[in-house]
Amino acid sequence: MSKPRTNASYLSGIPELLVLSLLARRPMYGYELIKAIKASTRNELEFGEGCIYPILHRLEAEGQLSSREEMARGRSRLVYSVTSSGRKQLAERVSSWERVATAVNDSLRWGDHEQPAMA
């Protein structure tokens, strides 16, 4: 049985967070980044070129990424790096993600027999 492609609506913003996080560790080109996302999430998240390349282009246009052209095996490719603005955005996104993840985990762990307090 094949695993479904990752594009659930609750993943909104997650690809950008992963792109910034992985590129903050080291510069990468697009396809390398796609493989790194899959590997770093233990194959739980997989985003294709149609998702990642538009994100790379948008983040670069917003000044969060920069790119440089590199030759590899006679072909040109763009290698992306996070800018100082991108590092700031990453810190904000990580903080926001941690708050949301904690809130969701708290709600999921709420006992079946317990009722949340109503205001």
Protein backbone atom coordinates (compact mmCIF):
# COMPACT_ATOMS: atom_id res chain seq x y z
CA MET A 1 0.00 0.00 0.00
CA SER A 2 1.50 3.32 -0.99
CA LYS A 3 1.68 6.20 1.41
CA PRO A 4 -0.48 9.21 0.46
CA ARG A 5 1.25 12.44 -0.56
CA THR A 6 1.57 14.93 2.24
CA ASN A 7 -0.73 17.86 1.60
CA ALA A 8 -3.21 17.86 4.47
CA SER A 9 -4.74 21.25 5.18
CA TYR A 10 -3.43 21.21 8.75
CA LEU A 11 0.11 21.35 7.35
CA SER A 12 -0.33 24.97 6.27
CA GLY A 13 2.95 26.78 6.94
CA ILE A 14 4.87 23.61 7.80
CA PRO A 15 6.77 23.37 4.49
CA GLU A 16 8.05 26.94 4.95
CA LEU A 17 9.09 26.17 8.52
CA LEU A 18 11.00 23.07 7.40
CA VAL A 19 12.63 24.89 4.47
CA LEU A 20 13.90 27.68 6.72
CA SER A 21 15.00 25.27 9.43
CA LEU A 22 16.97 22.99 7.13
CA LEU A 23 18.54 25.82 5.16
CA ALA A 24 19.56 27.52 8.41
CA ARG A 25 21.71 24.44 9.07
CA ARG A 26 23.42 24.49 5.67
CA PRO A 27 22.89 25.77 2.14
CA MET A 28 21.14 23.34 -0.24
CA TYR A 29 19.70 23.20 -3.73
CA GLY A 30 16.02 22.45 -4.28
CA TYR A 31 16.04 18.71 -4.89
CA GLU A 32 18.53 18.20 -2.06
CA LEU A 33 16.15 20.09 0.22
CA ILE A 34 13.21 17.91 -0.84
CA LYS A 35 15.19 14.80 0.11
CA ALA A 36 16.34 16.41 3.38
CA ILE A 37 12.75 17.15 4.42
CA LYS A 38 11.78 13.54 3.84
CA ALA A 39 14.84 12.21 5.70
CA SER A 40 14.62 14.65 8.62
CA THR A 41 10.96 13.76 9.21
CA ARG A 42 11.67 10.01 9.05
CA ASN A 43 9.65 9.75 5.82
CA GLU A 44 6.49 11.15 7.46
CA LEU A 45 6.46 14.33 5.38
CA GLU A 46 7.15 14.42 1.68
CA PHE A 47 6.70 17.51 -0.45
CA GLY A 48 7.26 17.53 -4.18
CA GLU A 49 8.93 20.05 -6.43
CA GLY A 50 5.58 21.73 -7.13
CA CYS A 51 5.33 22.64 -3.45
CA ILE A 52 8.95 23.39 -2.54
CA TYR A 53 10.17 25.42 -5.53
CA PRO A 54 7.42 28.05 -5.27
CA ILE A 55 8.21 28.36 -1.55
CA LEU A 56 11.91 28.84 -2.31
CA HIS A 57 11.13 31.51 -4.91
CA ARG A 58 8.69 33.33 -2.61
CA LEU A 59 11.03 33.26 0.41
CA GLU A 60 13.84 34.57 -1.78
CA ALA A 61 11.61 37.36 -3.13
CA GLU A 62 10.71 38.25 0.48
CA GLY A 63 14.42 38.44 1.40
CA GLN A 64 14.35 35.44 3.72
CA LEU A 65 16.57 33.38 1.40
CA SER A 66 19.40 34.16 -0.96
CA SER A 67 20.67 31.97 -3.77
CA ARG A 68 23.86 31.49 -5.69
CA GLU A 69 24.41 29.63 -8.93
CA GLU A 70 26.59 26.53 -8.76
CA MET A 71 27.76 24.17 -11.50
CA ALA A 72 27.42 20.43 -10.90
CA ARG A 73 28.12 17.79 -13.53
CA GLY A 74 27.89 20.39 -16.26
CA ARG A 75 24.53 21.70 -15.05
CA SER A 76 23.66 24.90 -13.28
CA ARG A 77 21.66 24.82 -10.06
CA LEU A 78 20.66 27.34 -7.42
CA VAL A 79 21.92 26.80 -3.89
CA TYR A 80 19.79 28.54 -1.26
CA SER A 81 20.87 30.01 2.09
CA VAL A 82 18.91 31.67 4.88
CA THR A 83 19.44 35.42 5.30
CA SER A 84 19.44 37.26 8.64
CA SER A 85 15.80 38.20 7.94
CA GLY A 86 15.05 34.51 7.31
CA ARG A 87 16.69 33.53 10.61
CA LYS A 88 14.48 36.04 12.42
CA GLN A 89 11.40 34.69 10.64
CA LEU A 90 12.48 31.13 11.50
CA ALA A 91 12.73 31.99 15.21
CA GLU A 92 9.24 33.51 15.13
CA ARG A 93 7.79 30.51 13.27
CA VAL A 94 9.44 28.01 15.64
CA SER A 95 8.05 29.85 18.66
CA SER A 96 4.58 29.93 17.13
CA TRP A 97 4.76 26.25 16.12
CA GLU A 98 5.82 25.23 19.63
CA ARG A 99 2.85 27.07 21.15
CA VAL A 100 0.41 25.48 18.69
CA ALA A 101 1.92 21.98 19.08
CA THR A 102 1.72 22.24 22.87
CA ALA A 103 -1.90 23.39 22.71
CA VAL A 104 -2.88 20.57 20.34
CA ASN A 105 -1.04 17.97 22.41
CA ASP A 106 -2.70 19.24 25.58
CA SER A 107 -6.11 18.94 23.94
CA LEU A 108 -5.39 15.45 22.56
CA ARG A 109 -4.28 14.22 25.97
CA TRP A 110 -7.36 15.61 27.72
CA GLY A 111 -9.04 12.69 29.44
CA ASP A 112 -12.23 11.34 27.91
CA HIS A 113 -13.98 11.66 31.27
CA GLU A 114 -12.78 15.20 31.95
CA GLN A 115 -14.63 18.23 30.70
CA PRO A 116 -12.77 21.44 29.85
CA ALA A 117 -13.63 24.34 32.11
CA MET A 118 -16.19 26.67 30.56
CA ALA A 119 -15.91 30.39 31.08
